[in-house]
Amino acid sequence: MQNAMVVVLCNLKPRTIENYVSQGMVLCAQTDDGSKIEFLSPPEGSQPGDIVTFEGYERKPLDVLPAKKSPWDDVKAGFIVDGNIGCYKDPTGKNLAFTTTHGVCKAATVTNGKV
């Protein structure tokens, strides 16, 4: 993972994983059968800290995460790979690409799987 450009969720509720406190998650593309997993990569020209957006959704980060339920639980089932593009399948069924100002985030070889 060293020197790799990846897509991450950050500022998550702290969680201890094998004695390490994590507050983020690296997003990976995975085939439906789980036989292949790889990083979801930002587009060429991206810089660390670039914001990922979804067309039609305003970016409104919460000041404080809910104590009982994580917003991640509401969206994780909709994170998919359409072709080789990372997408959020919104409640209307529309696939919205993970997008930065440089283009869309993609998987190198995984197609039509999940994130």
Protein backbone atom coordinates (compact mmCIF):
# COMPACT_ATOMS: atom_id res chain seq x y z
CA MET A 1 0.00 0.00 0.00
CA GLN A 2 3.01 2.26 0.33
CA ASN A 3 2.95 5.10 -2.25
CA ALA A 4 -0.43 3.95 -3.58
CA MET A 5 -3.13 6.49 -4.41
CA VAL A 6 -6.34 5.17 -2.87
CA VAL A 7 -9.85 6.32 -2.02
CA VAL A 8 -10.59 6.53 1.70
CA LEU A 9 -13.41 7.36 4.07
CA CYS A 10 -11.94 9.43 6.85
CA ASN A 11 -12.98 10.91 10.19
CA LEU A 12 -15.00 7.82 11.06
CA LYS A 13 -15.92 6.87 14.60
CA PRO A 14 -12.73 5.48 16.21
CA ARG A 15 -12.56 1.70 16.22
CA THR A 16 -9.83 -0.57 17.55
CA ILE A 17 -8.55 -3.12 15.05
CA GLU A 18 -5.84 -5.43 16.38
CA ASN A 19 -4.67 -2.93 19.02
CA TYR A 20 -4.63 -0.03 16.53
CA VAL A 21 -7.19 2.78 16.65
CA SER A 22 -8.60 3.39 13.18
CA GLN A 23 -10.65 6.41 12.10
CA GLY A 24 -10.75 5.67 8.40
CA MET A 25 -11.35 3.03 5.78
CA VAL A 26 -9.59 2.30 2.48
CA LEU A 27 -12.16 1.52 -0.22
CA CYS A 28 -11.57 -1.54 -2.38
CA ALA A 29 -13.34 -3.02 -5.38
CA GLN A 30 -14.29 -6.67 -5.03
CA THR A 31 -15.78 -9.25 -7.36
CA ASP A 32 -19.20 -10.51 -6.24
CA ASP A 33 -17.74 -13.92 -5.38
CA GLY A 34 -14.89 -12.31 -3.39
CA SER A 35 -12.18 -13.97 -5.50
CA LYS A 36 -10.47 -10.67 -6.33
CA ILE A 37 -10.01 -7.51 -4.25
CA GLU A 38 -8.10 -4.37 -5.24
CA PHE A 39 -7.92 -0.72 -4.29
CA LEU A 40 -10.41 1.72 -5.73
CA SER A 41 -8.14 4.32 -7.32
CA PRO A 42 -8.65 8.03 -7.86
CA PRO A 43 -8.25 9.43 -11.38
CA GLU A 44 -4.90 10.44 -12.86
CA GLY A 45 -3.79 13.85 -11.59
CA SER A 46 -5.46 13.46 -8.18
CA GLN A 47 -3.76 14.76 -5.06
CA PRO A 48 -4.03 13.51 -1.48
CA GLY A 49 -7.03 15.18 0.12
CA ASP A 50 -9.09 15.58 -3.07
CA ILE A 51 -12.78 15.36 -2.23
CA VAL A 52 -14.94 12.62 -3.76
CA THR A 53 -18.48 13.66 -4.66
CA PHE A 54 -21.61 12.18 -6.22
CA GLU A 55 -23.62 14.08 -8.84
CA GLY A 56 -26.79 15.55 -7.36
CA TYR A 57 -25.70 15.19 -3.73
CA GLU A 58 -24.58 18.20 -1.74
CA ARG A 59 -21.58 17.60 0.52
CA LYS A 60 -22.82 18.09 4.09
CA PRO A 61 -20.51 16.35 6.56
CA LEU A 62 -21.91 15.85 10.04
CA ASP A 63 -20.27 17.82 12.85
CA VAL A 64 -20.63 14.84 15.18
CA LEU A 65 -21.31 11.25 14.20
CA PRO A 66 -24.39 9.63 15.77
CA ALA A 67 -23.53 7.63 18.88
CA LYS A 68 -25.64 4.57 18.04
CA LYS A 69 -25.71 4.23 14.25
CA SER A 70 -23.06 5.05 11.68
CA PRO A 71 -24.11 6.82 8.45
CA TRP A 72 -21.90 4.24 6.73
CA ASP A 73 -24.57 1.63 7.52
CA ASP A 74 -27.06 3.60 5.40
CA VAL A 75 -24.91 3.71 2.26
CA LYS A 76 -22.52 0.75 2.24
CA ALA A 77 -24.88 -1.63 0.42
CA GLY A 78 -25.11 0.89 -2.43
CA PHE A 79 -21.35 1.13 -3.02
CA ILE A 80 -20.75 -0.89 -6.20
CA VAL A 81 -18.46 -1.23 -9.20
CA ASP A 82 -20.31 -0.55 -12.46
CA GLY A 83 -18.04 -1.68 -15.28
CA ASN A 84 -14.81 -0.68 -13.58
CA ILE A 85 -16.13 2.62 -12.12
CA GLY A 86 -16.77 2.97 -8.39
CA CYS A 87 -20.38 4.08 -7.88
CA TYR A 88 -23.02 4.75 -5.30
CA LYS A 89 -26.34 3.19 -6.29
CA ASP A 90 -28.69 5.74 -4.73
CA PRO A 91 -32.16 4.91 -3.34
CA THR A 92 -33.72 5.64 -6.75
CA GLY A 93 -31.47 3.00 -8.36
CA LYS A 94 -29.27 5.48 -10.23
CA ASN A 95 -25.51 4.68 -10.32
CA LEU A 96 -23.54 7.79 -9.39
CA ALA A 97 -19.79 7.65 -10.01
CA PHE A 98 -17.25 8.40 -7.29
CA THR A 99 -15.99 11.66 -8.83
CA THR A 100 -13.21 14.16 -8.15
CA THR A 101 -12.34 17.29 -10.08
CA HIS A 102 -9.99 15.06 -12.13
CA GLY A 103 -12.57 12.45 -13.18
CA VAL A 104 -13.99 9.20 -11.82
CA CYS A 105 -12.52 6.64 -9.42
CA LYS A 106 -11.94 3.21 -10.91
CA ALA A 107 -10.90 -0.33 -10.22
CA ALA A 108 -7.96 -1.59 -12.31
CA THR A 109 -9.43 -4.99 -13.20
CA VAL A 110 -12.52 -5.68 -11.08
CA THR A 111 -15.73 -5.18 -13.04
CA ASN A 112 -19.35 -5.21 -11.90
CA GLY A 113 -18.69 -6.00 -8.26
CA LYS A 114 -18.98 -4.19 -4.96
CA VAL A 115 -16.97 -1.62 -3.02
